[in-house]
Amino acid sequence: MKIAIPIYGDNVSNVFDFAHRLLLVEIENGKVIERSEIELKDESLLQRAGQLKDLGIDVLICGAISQALANMVTASGIQLLPYVTGSVNDVLEAYLSGQLVQPQFSMPGCWPGARRGFGRGGRRCRRRGGCG
């Protein structure tokens, strides 16, 4: 399984649409077997989604993401886990241990069902704040 996490420094990038670096992690039997980083070019959203597909990504863990790009990513068969925040190592460890749903990994203002995606009733944010 291949996981992609857009990164800024040692953290998950706040917005995937504008991220410049991507951490690629290959997982086998629940263990990390390879990690690498690639530079993301300033491309169209369609090209960005296509690049993930070309890389063979199975899961994208990211911060905020536009609805258009989210739709393209999921249409490519990639599982999308949006609105994630935190250090890359902590997020990866939480994902591997099934703990990514913990509140410390949710972007501020995100509601409990935010990670269920865009295709199930749309994006709904609280009146004050929210995910976008």
C-alpha atoms as a PDB file:
ATOM      1  CA  MET A   1       0.000   0.000   0.000  1.00  0.00           C
ATOM      2  CA  LYS A   2       1.240   3.490  -0.814  1.00  0.00           C
ATOM      3  CA  ILE A   3       0.330   6.501   1.281  1.00  0.00           C
ATOM      4  CA  ALA A   4       0.939  10.119   0.296  1.00  0.00           C
ATOM      5  CA  ILE A   5       1.103  13.017   2.760  1.00  0.00           C
ATOM      6  CA  PRO A   6       1.692  16.578   1.569  1.00  0.00           C
ATOM      7  CA  ILE A   7       4.258  18.128   3.895  1.00  0.00           C
ATOM      8  CA  TYR A   8       5.516  21.512   4.992  1.00  0.00           C
ATOM      9  CA  GLY A   9       8.588  21.206   7.166  1.00  0.00           C
ATOM     10  CA  ASP A  10       7.894  18.315   9.526  1.00  0.00           C
ATOM     11  CA  ASN A  11       4.116  18.779   9.458  1.00  0.00           C
ATOM     12  CA  VAL A  12       1.174  17.921   7.259  1.00  0.00           C
ATOM     13  CA  SER A  13       0.741  20.788   4.795  1.00  0.00           C
ATOM     14  CA  ASN A  14      -2.309  22.925   5.593  1.00  0.00           C
ATOM     15  CA  VAL A  15      -3.755  22.833   2.047  1.00  0.00           C
ATOM     16  CA  PHE A  16      -2.991  20.055  -0.428  1.00  0.00           C
ATOM     17  CA  ASP A  17      -3.894  22.200  -3.453  1.00  0.00           C
ATOM     18  CA  PHE A  18      -0.827  24.391  -2.842  1.00  0.00           C
ATOM     19  CA  ALA A  19       1.643  21.931  -1.280  1.00  0.00           C
ATOM     20  CA  HIS A  20       5.161  21.788  -2.744  1.00  0.00           C
ATOM     21  CA  ARG A  21       6.406  18.517  -1.223  1.00  0.00           C
ATOM     22  CA  LEU A  22       4.873  15.088  -0.881  1.00  0.00           C
ATOM     23  CA  LEU A  23       5.953  12.293   1.425  1.00  0.00           C
ATOM     24  CA  LEU A  24       5.474   8.860  -0.111  1.00  0.00           C
ATOM     25  CA  VAL A  25       5.274   5.950   2.302  1.00  0.00           C
ATOM     26  CA  GLU A  26       5.086   2.316   1.315  1.00  0.00           C
ATOM     27  CA  ILE A  27       3.438   0.068   3.868  1.00  0.00           C
ATOM     28  CA  GLU A  28       3.612  -3.710   4.006  1.00  0.00           C
ATOM     29  CA  ASN A  29       1.998  -5.785   6.755  1.00  0.00           C
ATOM     30  CA  GLY A  30       1.333  -2.651   8.786  1.00  0.00           C
ATOM     31  CA  LYS A  31       4.991  -1.562   8.729  1.00  0.00           C
ATOM     32  CA  VAL A  32       6.766   1.216   6.864  1.00  0.00           C
ATOM     33  CA  ILE A  33       9.143  -0.352   4.372  1.00  0.00           C
ATOM     34  CA  GLU A  34      10.101   2.751   2.396  1.00  0.00           C
ATOM     35  CA  ARG A  35       9.845   6.543   2.699  1.00  0.00           C
ATOM     36  CA  SER A  36      10.715   9.112   0.076  1.00  0.00           C
ATOM     37  CA  GLU A  37       9.902  12.717  -0.749  1.00  0.00           C
ATOM     38  CA  ILE A  38       9.118  14.303  -4.083  1.00  0.00           C
ATOM     39  CA  GLU A  39       8.652  17.884  -5.177  1.00  0.00           C
ATOM     40  CA  LEU A  40       5.205  18.815  -6.458  1.00  0.00           C
ATOM     41  CA  LYS A  41       5.094  21.156  -9.407  1.00  0.00           C
ATOM     42  CA  ASP A  42       2.701  24.070  -9.726  1.00  0.00           C
ATOM     43  CA  GLU A  43       0.245  22.221 -11.893  1.00  0.00           C
ATOM     44  CA  SER A  44      -3.469  22.248 -12.508  1.00  0.00           C
ATOM     45  CA  LEU A  45      -5.667  20.346 -10.075  1.00  0.00           C
ATOM     46  CA  LEU A  46      -6.294  17.711 -12.738  1.00  0.00           C
ATOM     47  CA  GLN A  47      -2.550  17.195 -13.214  1.00  0.00           C
ATOM     48  CA  ARG A  48      -2.021  17.008  -9.455  1.00  0.00           C
ATOM     49  CA  ALA A  49      -4.680  14.298  -9.113  1.00  0.00           C
ATOM     50  CA  GLY A  50      -3.185  12.502 -12.119  1.00  0.00           C
ATOM     51  CA  GLN A  51       0.255  12.548 -10.535  1.00  0.00           C
ATOM     52  CA  LEU A  52      -1.102  10.759  -7.458  1.00  0.00           C
ATOM     53  CA  LYS A  53      -2.673   8.115  -9.660  1.00  0.00           C
ATOM     54  CA  ASP A  54       0.545   7.725 -11.686  1.00  0.00           C
ATOM     55  CA  LEU A  55       2.491   7.227  -8.450  1.00  0.00           C
ATOM     56  CA  GLY A  56       0.165   4.385  -7.470  1.00  0.00           C
ATOM     57  CA  ILE A  57      -1.096   6.117  -4.339  1.00  0.00           C
ATOM     58  CA  ASP A  58      -3.770   4.208  -2.394  1.00  0.00           C
ATOM     59  CA  VAL A  59      -4.371   6.697   0.444  1.00  0.00           C
ATOM     60  CA  LEU A  60      -3.951  10.483   0.593  1.00  0.00           C
ATOM     61  CA  ILE A  61      -3.737  11.942   4.090  1.00  0.00           C
ATOM     62  CA  CYS A  62      -3.896  15.728   3.916  1.00  0.00           C
ATOM     63  CA  GLY A  63      -5.005  18.952   5.504  1.00  0.00           C
ATOM     64  CA  ALA A  64      -7.617  21.016   3.726  1.00  0.00           C
ATOM     65  CA  ILE A  65      -8.366  20.245   0.083  1.00  0.00           C
ATOM     66  CA  SER A  66     -10.654  21.925  -2.411  1.00  0.00           C
ATOM     67  CA  GLN A  67     -13.824  20.082  -3.290  1.00  0.00           C
ATOM     68  CA  ALA A  68     -12.818  19.946  -6.955  1.00  0.00           C
ATOM     69  CA  LEU A  69      -9.476  18.287  -6.211  1.00  0.00           C
ATOM     70  CA  ALA A  70     -11.051  15.987  -3.621  1.00  0.00           C
ATOM     71  CA  ASN A  71     -13.528  14.787  -6.223  1.00  0.00           C
ATOM     72  CA  MET A  72     -10.723  14.116  -8.731  1.00  0.00           C
ATOM     73  CA  VAL A  73      -8.654  12.239  -6.153  1.00  0.00           C
ATOM     74  CA  THR A  74     -11.526  10.007  -5.063  1.00  0.00           C
ATOM     75  CA  ALA A  75     -12.623   9.460  -8.694  1.00  0.00           C
ATOM     76  CA  SER A  76      -9.118   8.058  -9.267  1.00  0.00           C
ATOM     77  CA  GLY A  77      -9.815   5.384  -6.662  1.00  0.00           C
ATOM     78  CA  ILE A  78      -7.639   6.962  -3.979  1.00  0.00           C
ATOM     79  CA  GLN A  79      -8.926   6.937  -0.408  1.00  0.00           C
ATOM     80  CA  LEU A  80      -8.978  10.507   0.886  1.00  0.00           C
ATOM     81  CA  LEU A  81      -8.426  11.338   4.573  1.00  0.00           C
ATOM     82  CA  PRO A  82      -8.698  15.150   4.688  1.00  0.00           C
ATOM     83  CA  TYR A  83      -8.541  17.795   7.434  1.00  0.00           C
ATOM     84  CA  VAL A  84      -5.584  16.163   9.185  1.00  0.00           C
ATOM     85  CA  THR A  85      -3.036  18.225  11.080  1.00  0.00           C
ATOM     86  CA  GLY A  86       0.077  17.450  13.081  1.00  0.00           C
ATOM     87  CA  SER A  87       3.625  16.286  12.686  1.00  0.00           C
ATOM     88  CA  VAL A  88       4.106  13.868   9.810  1.00  0.00           C
ATOM     89  CA  ASN A  89       5.623  11.187  12.029  1.00  0.00           C
ATOM     90  CA  ASP A  90       2.796  11.413  14.582  1.00  0.00           C
ATOM     91  CA  VAL A  91       0.145  11.354  11.846  1.00  0.00           C
ATOM     92  CA  LEU A  92       1.728   8.357  10.149  1.00  0.00           C
ATOM     93  CA  GLU A  93       2.018   6.484  13.439  1.00  0.00           C
ATOM     94  CA  ALA A  94      -1.616   7.315  14.261  1.00  0.00           C
ATOM     95  CA  TYR A  95      -2.753   6.092  10.847  1.00  0.00           C
ATOM     96  CA  LEU A  96      -0.881   2.811  11.210  1.00  0.00           C
ATOM     97  CA  SER A  97      -2.322   2.214  14.681  1.00  0.00           C
ATOM     98  CA  GLY A  98      -5.892   3.206  13.715  1.00  0.00           C
ATOM     99  CA  GLN A  99      -5.781   6.323  15.893  1.00  0.00           C
ATOM    100  CA  LEU A 100      -5.998   9.032  13.218  1.00  0.00           C
ATOM    101  CA  VAL A 101      -9.563   9.798  14.344  1.00  0.00           C
ATOM    102  CA  GLN A 102      -8.239  11.296  17.606  1.00  0.00           C
ATOM    103  CA  PRO A 103      -9.107  15.016  18.034  1.00  0.00           C
ATOM    104  CA  GLN A 104      -5.477  16.170  18.105  1.00  0.00           C
ATOM    105  CA  PHE A 105      -5.192  15.218  14.420  1.00  0.00           C
ATOM    106  CA  SER A 106      -8.253  17.227  13.297  1.00  0.00           C
ATOM    107  CA  MET A 107      -7.785  20.669  11.821  1.00  0.00           C
ATOM    108  CA  PRO A 108      -9.286  23.413  14.022  1.00  0.00           C
ATOM    109  CA  GLY A 109     -12.953  24.058  13.258  1.00  0.00           C
ATOM    110  CA  CYS A 110     -13.622  20.675  11.649  1.00  0.00           C
ATOM    111  CA  TRP A 111     -16.786  18.910  12.668  1.00  0.00           C
ATOM    112  CA  PRO A 112     -16.783  15.243  13.750  1.00  0.00           C
ATOM    113  CA  GLY A 113     -18.022  13.891  10.394  1.00  0.00           C
ATOM    114  CA  ALA A 114     -15.703  15.972   8.198  1.00  0.00           C
ATOM    115  CA  ARG A 115     -13.508  13.072   7.172  1.00  0.00           C
ATOM    116  CA  ARG A 116     -16.411  11.151   5.690  1.00  0.00           C
ATOM    117  CA  GLY A 117     -15.759  13.172   2.567  1.00  0.00           C
ATOM    118  CA  PHE A 118     -17.431  15.499   0.176  1.00  0.00           C
ATOM    119  CA  GLY A 119     -19.660  13.006  -1.599  1.00  0.00           C
ATOM    120  CA  ARG A 120     -21.942  12.291   1.341  1.00  0.00           C
ATOM    121  CA  GLY A 121     -24.129  15.310   1.823  1.00  0.00           C
ATOM    122  CA  GLY A 122     -21.535  17.929   0.933  1.00  0.00           C
ATOM    123  CA  ARG A 123     -19.378  20.038   3.159  1.00  0.00           C
ATOM    124  CA  ARG A 124     -21.067  21.394   6.222  1.00  0.00           C
ATOM    125  CA  CYS A 125     -19.270  23.730   8.521  1.00  0.00           C
ATOM    126  CA  ARG A 126     -20.306  25.295  11.743  1.00  0.00           C
ATOM    127  CA  ARG A 127     -21.412  28.898  11.585  1.00  0.00           C
ATOM    128  CA  ARG A 128     -18.196  30.057  13.199  1.00  0.00           C
ATOM    129  CA  GLY A 129     -15.086  28.607  11.676  1.00  0.00           C
ATOM    130  CA  GLY A 130     -15.291  25.299   9.941  1.00  0.00           C
ATOM    131  CA  CYS A 131     -13.304  23.502   7.333  1.00  0.00           C
ATOM    132  CA  GLY A 132     -13.710  25.762   4.518  1.00  0.00           C
END
